[in-house]
């Protein structure tokens, strides 16, 4: 009888322990998050469990709404601002490039105009210098020719004078020679007038 009472007490204690350790049917294990076999003991992964679709759709809507708010209030305005700044910067760069191109074209046109003016001025200066040199050369040639003509005239006059003097000397020498020859040949005296007439007549022949 004592043994039977002890066995009954041990059985009661063991059942109480098993009842305490075993989880209730339908409870979810805290570590795995999977419901124990019990009322819904199907073993389906919770995201694919149809009983959780409502909560999943709710969280999806909440997440999408938050994402949409973040995109519309933060990200899209920032991207729009960046794009607008880049657009303004590109427009400024294009305007500056156009302005610089216009300045370069104007500078090239001014350079070409100045070059053309310099060439024209150089041609005019060369023509003027050539005309000046030509005029000076003509003037110098005229002066030289006049000086040469003057010198030639003076030389010719000098030559004529020397020739006249030489002829006069020759006439006197001829007269003296003729007088001496006549004296030697005929032994007479002849007048100077006769000798001069004879010399002149001989020179004229």
N, C-alpha and C. Protein backbone atom coordinates (compact mmCIF):
# COMPACT_ATOMS: atom_id res chain seq x y z
N UNK A 1 0.83 -1.19 0.00
CA UNK A 1 0.00 0.00 0.00
C UNK A 1 0.87 1.25 0.00
N UNK A 2 1.88 1.18 0.70
CA UNK A 2 2.84 2.28 0.74
C UNK A 2 3.49 2.46 -0.59
N UNK A 3 3.81 1.36 -1.28
CA UNK A 3 4.45 1.42 -2.61
C UNK A 3 3.50 2.00 -3.61
N UNK A 4 2.23 1.66 -3.52
CA UNK A 4 1.24 2.19 -4.47
C UNK A 4 1.08 3.68 -4.29
N UNK A 5 1.07 4.17 -3.07
CA UNK A 5 0.95 5.62 -2.84
C UNK A 5 2.15 6.37 -3.37
N UNK A 6 3.34 5.79 -3.17
CA UNK A 6 4.56 6.45 -3.69
C UNK A 6 4.54 6.51 -5.21
N UNK A 7 4.07 5.42 -5.85
CA UNK A 7 4.06 5.39 -7.32
C UNK A 7 3.06 6.41 -7.86
N UNK A 8 1.92 6.55 -7.16
CA UNK A 8 0.91 7.52 -7.59
C UNK A 8 1.43 8.94 -7.44
N UNK A 9 2.16 9.22 -6.37
CA UNK A 9 2.73 10.56 -6.19
C UNK A 9 3.77 10.87 -7.23
N UNK A 10 4.61 9.87 -7.59
CA UNK A 10 5.64 10.09 -8.60
C UNK A 10 5.01 10.34 -9.95
N UNK A 11 3.93 9.60 -10.29
CA UNK A 11 3.26 9.80 -11.57
C UNK A 11 2.67 11.19 -11.64
N UNK A 12 2.11 11.64 -10.50
CA UNK A 12 1.51 13.00 -10.48
C UNK A 12 2.58 14.06 -10.68
N UNK A 13 3.71 13.86 -10.03
CA UNK A 13 4.82 14.84 -10.17
C UNK A 13 5.35 14.88 -11.57
N UNK A 14 5.50 13.69 -12.22
CA UNK A 14 6.03 13.63 -13.59
C UNK A 14 5.08 14.30 -14.56
N UNK A 15 3.77 14.08 -14.44
CA UNK A 15 2.80 14.70 -15.34
C UNK A 15 2.77 16.22 -15.16
N UNK A 16 2.91 16.63 -13.86
CA UNK A 16 2.95 18.08 -13.63
C UNK A 16 4.15 18.72 -14.28
N UNK A 17 5.31 18.04 -14.22
CA UNK A 17 6.53 18.59 -14.84
C UNK A 17 6.40 18.64 -16.34
N UNK A 18 5.83 17.55 -16.93
CA UNK A 18 5.66 17.56 -18.38
C UNK A 18 4.67 18.63 -18.80
N UNK A 19 3.62 18.81 -18.02
CA UNK A 19 2.65 19.85 -18.34
C UNK A 19 3.27 21.23 -18.23
N UNK A 20 4.19 21.39 -17.27
CA UNK A 20 4.86 22.68 -17.10
C UNK A 20 5.86 22.95 -18.20
N UNK A 21 6.62 21.88 -18.64
CA UNK A 21 7.66 22.07 -19.66
C UNK A 21 7.10 22.16 -21.05
N UNK A 22 6.06 21.45 -21.36
CA UNK A 22 5.53 21.44 -22.72
C UNK A 22 4.84 22.75 -23.00
N UNK A 23 5.10 23.41 -24.14
CA UNK A 23 4.45 24.69 -24.47
C UNK A 23 3.03 24.44 -24.84
N UNK A 24 2.24 25.45 -24.62
CA UNK A 24 0.82 25.35 -24.95
C UNK A 24 0.66 25.26 -26.44
N UNK A 25 -0.44 24.63 -26.84
CA UNK A 25 -0.71 24.46 -28.27
C UNK A 25 -0.94 25.80 -28.91
N UNK A 26 -0.27 26.06 -30.07
CA UNK A 26 -0.44 27.32 -30.80
C UNK A 26 0.52 28.39 -30.38
N UNK A 27 1.35 28.15 -29.28
CA UNK A 27 2.31 29.17 -28.87
C UNK A 27 3.50 29.21 -29.84
N UNK A 28 4.11 30.34 -29.92
CA UNK A 28 5.25 30.54 -30.82
C UNK A 28 6.53 30.46 -30.04
N UNK A 29 7.45 29.69 -30.48
CA UNK A 29 8.74 29.57 -29.82
C UNK A 29 9.48 30.90 -29.93
N UNK A 30 10.07 31.34 -28.83
CA UNK A 30 10.69 32.67 -28.81
C UNK A 30 11.97 32.73 -29.62
N UNK A 31 12.62 31.63 -29.81
CA UNK A 31 13.89 31.64 -30.55
C UNK A 31 13.68 31.44 -32.03
N UNK A 32 12.78 30.57 -32.43
CA UNK A 32 12.59 30.29 -33.86
C UNK A 32 11.47 31.08 -34.46
N UNK A 33 10.53 31.59 -33.64
CA UNK A 33 9.40 32.34 -34.16
C UNK A 33 8.42 31.47 -34.89
N UNK A 34 8.46 30.13 -34.70
CA UNK A 34 7.57 29.18 -35.39
C UNK A 34 6.61 28.61 -34.37
N UNK A 35 5.39 28.59 -34.74
CA UNK A 35 4.38 28.04 -33.81
C UNK A 35 4.59 26.55 -33.64
N UNK A 36 4.42 26.10 -32.37
CA UNK A 36 4.55 24.68 -32.09
C UNK A 36 3.36 23.93 -32.65
N UNK A 37 3.61 22.74 -32.89
CA UNK A 37 2.53 21.92 -33.42
C UNK A 37 1.40 21.89 -32.40
N UNK A 38 0.26 22.17 -32.86
CA UNK A 38 -0.89 22.20 -31.96
C UNK A 38 -2.11 22.40 -32.81
N UNK A 39 -2.68 23.62 -32.61
CA UNK A 39 -3.90 23.93 -33.33
C UNK A 39 -3.64 24.12 -34.80
N UNK A 40 -2.51 24.86 -35.17
CA UNK A 40 -2.13 25.07 -36.58
C UNK A 40 -0.81 24.37 -36.84
N UNK A 41 -0.68 23.25 -36.69
CA UNK A 41 0.56 22.50 -36.85
C UNK A 41 0.85 22.17 -38.29
N UNK A 42 0.74 23.20 -39.22
CA UNK A 42 1.00 22.93 -40.65
C UNK A 42 2.47 23.03 -41.00
N UNK A 43 3.31 23.78 -40.23
CA UNK A 43 4.74 23.93 -40.49
C UNK A 43 5.04 24.85 -41.67
N UNK A 44 4.15 25.80 -42.08
CA UNK A 44 4.35 26.73 -43.20
C UNK A 44 5.20 27.93 -42.73
N UNK A 45 6.12 28.39 -43.64
CA UNK A 45 6.96 29.55 -43.33
C UNK A 45 6.06 30.77 -43.17
N UNK A 46 6.18 31.52 -42.06
CA UNK A 46 5.22 32.61 -41.77
C UNK A 46 4.99 33.60 -42.90
N UNK A 47 6.04 34.07 -43.66
CA UNK A 47 5.74 35.01 -44.74
C UNK A 47 4.83 34.44 -45.81
N UNK A 48 4.81 33.12 -45.94
CA UNK A 48 3.95 32.48 -46.94
C UNK A 48 2.65 31.97 -46.34
N UNK A 49 2.46 32.27 -45.07
CA UNK A 49 1.24 31.84 -44.40
C UNK A 49 0.14 32.84 -44.72
N UNK A 50 -0.98 32.37 -45.22
CA UNK A 50 -2.08 33.26 -45.63
C UNK A 50 -2.66 34.03 -44.46
N UNK A 51 -2.46 33.52 -43.28
CA UNK A 51 -3.02 34.22 -42.11
C UNK A 51 -2.26 35.51 -41.82
N UNK A 52 -1.03 35.64 -42.35
CA UNK A 52 -0.21 36.84 -42.11
C UNK A 52 -0.26 37.83 -43.26
N UNK A 53 -1.03 37.57 -44.33
CA UNK A 53 -1.04 38.45 -45.51
C UNK A 53 -1.54 39.85 -45.17
N UNK A 54 -2.52 39.96 -44.31
CA UNK A 54 -3.08 41.28 -43.97
C UNK A 54 -2.04 42.17 -43.33
N UNK A 55 -1.32 41.60 -42.32
CA UNK A 55 -0.29 42.40 -41.65
C UNK A 55 0.85 42.73 -42.59
N UNK A 56 1.19 41.76 -43.47
CA UNK A 56 2.27 42.03 -44.44
C UNK A 56 1.89 43.14 -45.40
N UNK A 57 0.63 43.11 -45.89
CA UNK A 57 0.18 44.17 -46.79
C UNK A 57 0.15 45.52 -46.07
N UNK A 58 -0.23 45.50 -44.81
CA UNK A 58 -0.24 46.75 -44.04
C UNK A 58 1.16 47.34 -43.91
N UNK A 59 2.10 46.48 -43.54
CA UNK A 59 3.48 46.97 -43.42
C UNK A 59 4.06 47.38 -44.77
N UNK A 60 3.66 46.66 -45.83
CA UNK A 60 4.11 47.05 -47.16
C UNK A 60 3.59 48.44 -47.53
N UNK A 61 2.29 48.68 -47.23
CA UNK A 61 1.72 49.99 -47.52
C UNK A 61 2.41 51.07 -46.70
N UNK A 62 2.65 50.77 -45.42
CA UNK A 62 3.33 51.76 -44.57
C UNK A 62 4.74 52.04 -45.09
N UNK A 63 5.47 50.98 -45.42
CA UNK A 63 6.84 51.15 -45.93
C UNK A 63 6.85 51.92 -47.24
N UNK A 64 5.93 51.58 -48.16
CA UNK A 64 5.86 52.28 -49.44
C UNK A 64 5.52 53.76 -49.25
N UNK A 65 4.57 54.01 -48.28
CA UNK A 65 4.21 55.40 -48.00
C UNK A 65 5.41 56.18 -47.46
N UNK A 66 6.14 55.58 -46.50
CA UNK A 66 7.33 56.25 -45.97
C UNK A 66 8.37 56.47 -47.07
N UNK A 67 8.57 55.44 -47.90
CA UNK A 67 9.53 55.57 -48.99
C UNK A 67 9.11 56.68 -49.97
N UNK A 68 7.80 56.74 -50.25
CA UNK A 68 7.29 57.77 -51.16
C UNK A 68 7.49 59.16 -50.55
N UNK A 69 7.23 59.29 -49.25
CA UNK A 69 7.44 60.58 -48.59
C UNK A 69 8.90 61.00 -48.63
N UNK A 70 9.78 60.03 -48.33
CA UNK A 70 11.21 60.35 -48.36
C UNK A 70 11.64 60.76 -49.76
N UNK A 71 11.16 60.01 -50.77
CA UNK A 71 11.52 60.33 -52.15
C UNK A 71 10.99 61.70 -52.56
N UNK A 72 9.71 61.98 -52.24
CA UNK A 72 9.09 63.22 -52.70
C UNK A 72 9.55 64.44 -51.91
N UNK A 73 9.89 64.25 -50.65
CA UNK A 73 10.25 65.40 -49.80
C UNK A 73 11.75 65.63 -49.71
N UNK A 74 12.56 64.61 -49.90
CA UNK A 74 14.00 64.74 -49.67
C UNK A 74 14.81 64.47 -50.95
N UNK A 75 14.68 63.25 -51.45
CA UNK A 75 15.57 62.82 -52.53
C UNK A 75 15.27 63.55 -53.84
N UNK A 76 13.98 63.56 -54.25
CA UNK A 76 13.63 64.19 -55.53
C UNK A 76 13.93 65.70 -55.52
N UNK A 77 13.60 66.45 -54.44
CA UNK A 77 13.99 67.88 -54.44
C UNK A 77 15.50 68.08 -54.55
N UNK A 78 16.26 67.22 -53.86
CA UNK A 78 17.71 67.36 -53.96
C UNK A 78 18.19 67.08 -55.38
N UNK A 79 17.68 66.01 -55.98
CA UNK A 79 18.07 65.69 -57.36
C UNK A 79 17.65 66.82 -58.30
N UNK A 80 16.41 67.35 -58.08
CA UNK A 80 15.96 68.47 -58.91
C UNK A 80 16.85 69.69 -58.75
N UNK A 81 17.24 69.97 -57.48
CA UNK A 81 18.15 71.10 -57.25
C UNK A 81 19.48 70.91 -57.93
N UNK A 82 20.02 69.69 -57.82
CA UNK A 82 21.30 69.40 -58.46
C UNK A 82 21.19 69.56 -59.98
N UNK A 83 20.10 69.02 -60.56
CA UNK A 83 19.91 69.14 -62.01
C UNK A 83 19.75 70.59 -62.43
N UNK A 84 19.02 71.36 -61.62
CA UNK A 84 18.83 72.78 -61.95
C UNK A 84 20.14 73.54 -61.87
N UNK A 85 20.94 73.24 -60.82
CA UNK A 85 22.24 73.89 -60.71
C UNK A 85 23.13 73.53 -61.89
N UNK A 86 23.11 72.26 -62.28
CA UNK A 86 23.92 71.85 -63.44
C UNK A 86 23.43 72.52 -64.71
N UNK A 87 22.11 72.63 -64.83
CA UNK A 87 21.55 73.29 -66.01
C UNK A 87 21.97 74.76 -66.05
N UNK A 88 21.89 75.43 -64.89
CA UNK A 88 22.32 76.83 -64.83
C UNK A 88 23.80 76.96 -65.12
N UNK A 89 24.58 76.03 -64.57
CA UNK A 89 26.03 76.09 -64.80
C UNK A 89 26.36 75.87 -66.29
N UNK A 90 25.67 74.90 -66.89
CA UNK A 90 25.90 74.65 -68.32
C UNK A 90 25.49 75.87 -69.14
N UNK A 91 24.34 76.48 -68.77
CA UNK A 91 23.90 77.67 -69.50
C UNK A 91 24.90 78.80 -69.34
N UNK A 92 25.44 78.99 -68.13
CA UNK A 92 26.46 80.02 -67.92
C UNK A 92 27.72 79.73 -68.73
N UNK A 93 28.12 78.45 -68.72
CA UNK A 93 29.31 78.08 -69.51
C UNK A 93 29.09 78.33 -70.99
N UNK A 94 27.89 78.00 -71.49
CA UNK A 94 27.59 78.25 -72.90
C UNK A 94 27.59 79.74 -73.21
N UNK A 95 27.01 80.53 -72.31
CA UNK A 95 27.01 81.98 -72.51
C UNK A 95 28.43 82.54 -72.50
N UNK A 96 29.23 82.06 -71.56
CA UNK A 96 30.61 82.52 -71.48
C UNK A 96 31.39 82.10 -72.72
N UNK A 97 31.16 80.85 -73.17
CA UNK A 97 31.85 80.39 -74.38
C UNK A 97 31.42 81.21 -75.60
N UNK A 98 30.13 81.53 -75.68
CA UNK A 98 29.65 82.36 -76.79
C UNK A 98 30.26 83.76 -76.72
N UNK A 99 30.34 84.31 -75.50
CA UNK A 99 30.93 85.64 -75.34
C UNK A 99 32.41 85.63 -75.71
N UNK A 100 33.12 84.60 -75.25
CA UNK A 100 34.54 84.50 -75.58
C UNK A 100 34.75 84.32 -77.08
N UNK A 101 33.86 83.54 -77.71
CA UNK A 101 33.96 83.34 -79.16
C UNK A 101 33.74 84.67 -79.89
N UNK A 102 32.74 85.44 -79.42
CA UNK A 102 32.51 86.75 -80.02
C UNK A 102 33.71 87.67 -79.86
N UNK A 103 34.30 87.66 -78.65
CA UNK A 103 35.49 88.49 -78.43
C UNK A 103 36.65 88.04 -79.31
N UNK A 104 36.81 86.71 -79.45
CA UNK A 104 37.89 86.20 -80.30
C UNK A 104 37.66 86.59 -81.75
N UNK A 105 36.40 86.47 -82.21
CA UNK A 105 36.10 86.87 -83.60
C UNK A 105 36.37 88.36 -83.80
N UNK A 106 35.96 89.17 -82.82
CA UNK A 106 36.21 90.61 -82.92
C UNK A 106 37.71 90.91 -82.92
N UNK A 107 38.46 90.21 -82.07
CA UNK A 107 39.90 90.43 -82.04
C UNK A 107 40.55 90.02 -83.36
N UNK A 108 40.10 88.89 -83.93
CA UNK A 108 40.65 88.45 -85.22
C UNK A 108 40.33 89.46 -86.31
N UNK A 109 39.06 89.95 -86.32
CA UNK A 109 38.68 90.94 -87.33
C UNK A 109 39.50 92.21 -87.16
N UNK A 110 39.70 92.65 -85.91
CA UNK A 110 40.50 93.85 -85.67
C UNK A 110 41.95 93.63 -86.10
N UNK A 111 42.49 92.44 -85.81
CA UNK A 111 43.86 92.13 -86.22
C UNK A 111 44.00 92.14 -87.73
N UNK A 112 43.02 91.52 -88.41
CA UNK A 112 43.08 91.50 -89.87
C UNK A 112 42.97 92.91 -90.45
N UNK A 113 42.10 93.75 -89.84
CA UNK A 113 41.97 95.12 -90.31
C UNK A 113 43.27 95.90 -90.10
N UNK A 114 43.85 95.74 -88.91
CA UNK A 114 45.12 96.42 -88.64
C UNK A 114 46.22 95.92 -89.57
N UNK A 115 46.22 94.60 -89.86
CA UNK A 115 47.21 94.06 -90.78
C UNK A 115 47.03 94.65 -92.18
N UNK A 116 45.77 94.74 -92.63
CA UNK A 116 45.51 95.33 -93.94
C UNK A 116 45.93 96.79 -93.97
N UNK A 117 45.62 97.53 -92.89
CA UNK A 117 46.04 98.94 -92.82
C UNK A 117 47.56 99.07 -92.82
N UNK A 118 48.23 98.16 -92.09
CA UNK A 118 49.70 98.20 -92.04
C UNK A 118 50.29 97.91 -93.42
N UNK A 119 49.70 96.92 -94.13
CA UNK A 119 50.19 96.62 -95.48
C UNK A 119 49.99 97.81 -96.41
N UNK A 120 48.79 98.41 -96.33
CA UNK A 120 48.53 99.57 -97.19
C UNK A 120 49.49 100.72 -96.86
N UNK A 121 49.69 100.94 -95.57
CA UNK A 121 50.61 102.01 -95.16
C UNK A 121 52.04 101.70 -95.60
N UNK A 122 52.42 100.40 -95.49
CA UNK A 122 53.76 100.02 -95.94
C UNK A 122 53.93 100.24 -97.44
N UNK A 123 52.88 99.88 -98.22
CA UNK A 123 52.95 100.11 -99.67
C UNK A 123 53.06 101.60 -99.99
N UNK A 124 52.25 102.42 -99.29
CA UNK A 124 52.31 103.86 -99.54
C UNK A 124 53.67 104.44 -99.16
N UNK A 125 54.22 103.96 -98.03
CA UNK A 125 55.55 104.44 -97.62
C UNK A 125 56.60 104.02 -98.63
N UNK A 126 56.50 102.77 -99.11
CA UNK A 126 57.47 102.30 -100.11
C UNK A 126 57.35 103.10 -101.40
N UNK A 127 56.09 103.35 -101.83
CA UNK A 127 55.90 104.15 -103.05
C UNK A 127 56.46 105.56 -102.88
N UNK A 128 56.16 106.15 -101.70
CA UNK A 128 56.66 107.50 -101.46
C UNK A 128 58.19 107.53 -101.43
N UNK A 129 58.77 106.51 -100.76
CA UNK A 129 60.24 106.45 -100.69
C UNK A 129 60.83 106.24 -102.08
N UNK A 130 60.18 105.37 -102.87
CA UNK A 130 60.67 105.13 -104.23
C UNK A 130 60.59 106.41 -105.08
N UNK A 131 59.47 107.12 -104.95
CA UNK A 131 59.34 108.37 -105.70
C UNK A 131 60.35 109.41 -105.24
N UNK A 132 60.56 109.44 -103.91
CA UNK A 132 61.54 110.40 -103.38
C UNK A 132 62.94 110.08 -103.88
N UNK A 133 63.28 108.77 -103.84
CA UNK A 133 64.60 108.37 -104.33
C UNK A 133 64.74 108.66 -105.82
N UNK A 134 63.67 108.40 -106.57
CA UNK A 134 63.71 108.66 -108.01
C UNK A 134 63.87 110.15 -108.29
N UNK A 135 63.12 110.97 -107.55
CA UNK A 135 63.24 112.41 -107.73
C UNK A 135 64.63 112.91 -107.36
N UNK A 136 65.13 112.38 -106.24
CA UNK A 136 66.48 112.79 -105.83
C UNK A 136 67.51 112.34 -106.84
N UNK A 137 67.34 111.13 -107.39
CA UNK A 137 68.28 110.64 -108.40
C UNK A 137 68.23 111.51 -109.65
N UNK A 138 67.01 111.88 -110.05
CA UNK A 138 66.88 112.76 -111.22
C UNK A 138 67.52 114.11 -110.96
N UNK A 139 67.28 114.64 -109.76
CA UNK A 139 67.90 115.93 -109.42
C UNK A 139 69.41 115.82 -109.39
N UNK A 140 69.92 114.75 -108.78
CA UNK A 140 71.37 114.56 -108.74
C UNK A 140 71.94 114.39 -110.14
N UNK A 141 71.21 113.62 -110.99
CA UNK A 141 71.70 113.43 -112.35
C UNK A 141 71.70 114.75 -113.12
N UNK A 142 70.64 115.54 -112.92
CA UNK A 142 70.59 116.84 -113.59
C UNK A 142 71.73 117.74 -113.13
N UNK A 143 71.98 117.71 -111.80
CA UNK A 143 73.07 118.54 -111.28
C UNK A 143 74.42 118.07 -111.81
N UNK A 144 74.58 116.74 -111.85
CA UNK A 144 75.85 116.20 -112.37
C UNK A 144 76.01 116.55 -113.85
N UNK A 145 74.91 116.38 -114.59
CA UNK A 145 74.99 116.71 -116.01
C UNK A 145 75.31 118.19 -116.23
N UNK A 146 74.66 119.06 -115.39
CA UNK A 146 74.96 120.49 -115.51
C UNK A 146 76.41 120.78 -115.17
N UNK A 147 76.90 120.12 -114.11
CA UNK A 147 78.31 120.33 -113.72
C UNK A 147 79.24 119.82 -114.81
N UNK A 148 78.90 118.64 -115.38
CA UNK A 148 79.75 118.11 -116.45
C UNK A 148 79.71 119.03 -117.68
N UNK A 149 78.50 119.53 -117.99
CA UNK A 149 78.40 120.46 -119.14
C UNK A 149 79.23 121.71 -118.89
N UNK A 150 79.16 122.20 -117.67
CA UNK A 150 79.95 123.38 -117.33
C UNK A 150 81.44 123.10 -117.45
N UNK A 151 81.85 121.94 -116.93
CA UNK A 151 83.27 121.59 -116.99
C UNK A 151 83.71 121.36 -118.43
N UNK A 152 82.80 120.70 -119.22
CA UNK A 152 83.16 120.46 -120.63
C UNK A 152 83.29 121.79 -121.37
N UNK A 153 82.36 122.71 -121.08
CA UNK A 153 82.43 124.03 -121.73
C UNK A 153 83.71 124.76 -121.35
N UNK A 154 84.02 124.70 -120.05
CA UNK A 154 85.26 125.36 -119.60
C UNK A 154 86.47 124.69 -120.23
N UNK A 155 86.44 123.33 -120.33
CA UNK A 155 87.57 122.63 -120.94
C UNK A 155 87.70 122.98 -122.42
N UNK A 156 86.56 123.04 -123.09
CA UNK A 156 86.62 123.40 -124.51
C UNK A 156 87.16 124.81 -124.70
N UNK A 157 86.71 125.74 -123.81
CA UNK A 157 87.24 127.11 -123.90
C UNK A 157 88.73 127.14 -123.64
N UNK A 158 89.14 126.35 -122.64
CA UNK A 158 90.58 126.29 -122.33
C UNK A 158 91.37 125.69 -123.48
N UNK A 159 90.78 124.64 -124.07
CA UNK A 159 91.47 124.02 -125.22
C UNK A 159 91.56 125.00 -126.39
N UNK A 160 90.45 125.73 -126.62
CA UNK A 160 90.47 126.73 -127.71
C UNK A 160 91.51 127.80 -127.46
N UNK A 161 91.56 128.21 -126.15
CA UNK A 161 92.55 129.24 -125.81
C UNK A 161 93.97 128.71 -126.01
N UNK A 162 94.17 127.47 -125.54
CA UNK A 162 95.51 126.90 -125.70
C UNK A 162 95.84 126.72 -127.18
N UNK A 163 94.81 126.30 -127.95
CA UNK A 163 95.04 126.12 -129.38
C UNK A 163 95.36 127.43 -130.07
N UNK A 164 94.59 128.47 -129.69
CA UNK A 164 94.87 129.80 -130.29
C UNK A 164 96.26 130.29 -129.94
N UNK A 165 96.63 130.10 -128.67
CA UNK A 165 97.97 130.53 -128.24
C UNK A 165 99.04 129.72 -128.96
N UNK A 166 98.74 128.41 -129.05
CA UNK A 166 99.72 127.56 -129.74
C UNK A 166 99.86 127.96 -131.21
N UNK A 167 98.74 128.26 -131.84
CA UNK A 167 98.79 128.68 -133.24
C UNK A 167 99.51 130.01 -133.39
N UNK A 168 99.26 130.90 -132.41
CA UNK A 168 99.97 132.19 -132.45
C UNK A 168 101.46 131.99 -132.32
N UNK A 169 101.84 131.11 -131.41
CA UNK A 169 103.26 130.83 -131.25
C UNK A 169 103.84 130.16 -132.50
N UNK A 170 103.03 129.28 -133.05
CA UNK A 170 103.50 128.60 -134.28
C UNK A 170 103.69 129.61 -135.41
N UNK A 171 102.74 130.58 -135.51
CA UNK A 171 102.86 131.61 -136.56
C UNK A 171 104.12 132.44 -136.38
N UNK A 172 104.39 132.82 -135.13
CA UNK A 172 105.60 133.64 -134.88
C UNK A 172 106.85 132.84 -135.20
N UNK A 173 106.83 131.56 -134.78
CA UNK A 173 107.99 130.71 -135.07
C UNK A 173 108.16 130.52 -136.58
N UNK A 174 107.01 130.37 -137.25
CA UNK A 174 107.06 130.19 -138.71
C UNK A 174 107.60 131.43 -139.38
N UNK A 175 107.17 132.59 -138.90
CA UNK A 175 107.67 133.84 -139.50
C UNK A 175 109.18 133.96 -139.30
N UNK A 176 109.60 133.68 -138.07
CA UNK A 176 111.04 133.78 -137.80
C UNK A 176 111.83 132.79 -138.66
N UNK A 177 111.27 131.57 -138.76
CA UNK A 177 111.95 130.54 -139.55
C UNK A 177 111.98 130.94 -141.03
N UNK A 178 110.85 131.46 -141.48
CA UNK A 178 110.78 131.87 -142.90
C UNK A 178 111.75 133.01 -143.17
N UNK A 179 111.86 133.94 -142.27
CA UNK A 179 112.80 135.06 -142.45
C UNK A 179 114.23 134.54 -142.53
N UNK A 180 114.56 133.64 -141.64
CA UNK A 180 115.93 133.10 -141.65
C UNK A 180 116.20 132.32 -142.92
N UNK A 181 115.19 131.54 -143.36
CA UNK A 181 115.38 130.74 -144.59
C UNK A 181 115.55 131.64 -145.79
N UNK A 182 114.75 132.70 -145.86
CA UNK A 182 114.83 133.63 -147.01
C UNK A 182 116.21 134.29 -147.02
N UNK A 183 116.68 134.72 -145.89
CA UNK A 183 117.99 135.34 -145.82
C UNK A 183 119.07 134.37 -146.28
N UNK A 184 118.93 133.14 -145.89
CA UNK A 184 119.94 132.17 -146.27
C UNK A 184 119.86 131.85 -147.76
N UNK A 185 118.66 131.84 -148.30
CA UNK A 185 118.50 131.44 -149.71
C UNK A 185 118.80 132.59 -150.68
N UNK A 186 118.17 133.70 -150.41
CA UNK A 186 118.30 134.78 -151.40
C UNK A 186 119.24 135.88 -150.92
N UNK A 187 119.53 135.86 -149.66
CA UNK A 187 120.49 136.83 -149.11
C UNK A 187 119.93 138.22 -149.01
N UNK A 188 118.65 138.36 -149.13
CA UNK A 188 118.05 139.68 -149.02
C UNK A 188 117.19 139.79 -147.77
N UNK A 189 116.69 140.99 -147.55
CA UNK A 189 115.80 141.22 -146.40
C UNK A 189 114.36 141.24 -146.88
N UNK A 190 113.52 140.61 -146.14
CA UNK A 190 112.08 140.57 -146.46
C UNK A 190 111.36 141.17 -145.25
N UNK A 191 110.35 141.94 -145.52
CA UNK A 191 109.60 142.59 -144.43
C UNK A 191 108.75 141.55 -143.68
N UNK A 192 108.44 141.91 -142.44
CA UNK A 192 107.61 141.03 -141.61
C UNK A 192 106.20 140.89 -142.17
N UNK A 193 105.73 141.94 -142.82
CA UNK A 193 104.37 141.88 -143.40
C UNK A 193 104.33 140.85 -144.49
N UNK A 194 105.32 140.82 -145.32
CA UNK A 194 105.36 139.85 -146.40
C UNK A 194 105.50 138.43 -145.84
N UNK A 195 106.33 138.29 -144.83
CA UNK A 195 106.52 136.95 -144.22
C UNK A 195 105.20 136.48 -143.60
N UNK A 196 104.48 137.40 -142.85
CA UNK A 196 103.22 137.03 -142.21
C UNK A 196 102.18 136.66 -143.25
N UNK A 197 102.14 137.40 -144.36
CA UNK A 197 101.16 137.09 -145.42
C UNK A 197 101.48 135.75 -146.03
N UNK A 198 102.75 135.44 -146.21
CA UNK A 198 103.12 134.16 -146.79
C UNK A 198 102.78 133.00 -145.82
N UNK A 199 103.01 133.20 -144.52
CA UNK A 199 102.69 132.16 -143.54
C UNK A 199 101.21 131.89 -143.47
N UNK A 200 100.42 133.00 -143.47
CA UNK A 200 98.98 132.84 -143.44
C UNK A 200 98.47 132.13 -144.68
N UNK A 201 99.07 132.53 -145.86
CA UNK A 201 98.65 131.88 -147.09
C UNK A 201 99.01 130.40 -147.06
N UNK A 202 100.11 130.04 -146.47
CA UNK A 202 100.51 128.65 -146.37
C UNK A 202 99.62 127.90 -145.38
N UNK A 203 99.25 128.56 -144.28
CA UNK A 203 98.36 127.92 -143.30
C UNK A 203 96.98 127.73 -143.88
N UNK A 204 96.52 128.66 -144.74
CA UNK A 204 95.19 128.52 -145.33
C UNK A 204 95.14 127.40 -146.31
N UNK A 205 96.21 127.10 -147.03
CA UNK A 205 96.27 125.97 -147.94
C UNK A 205 96.31 124.65 -147.19
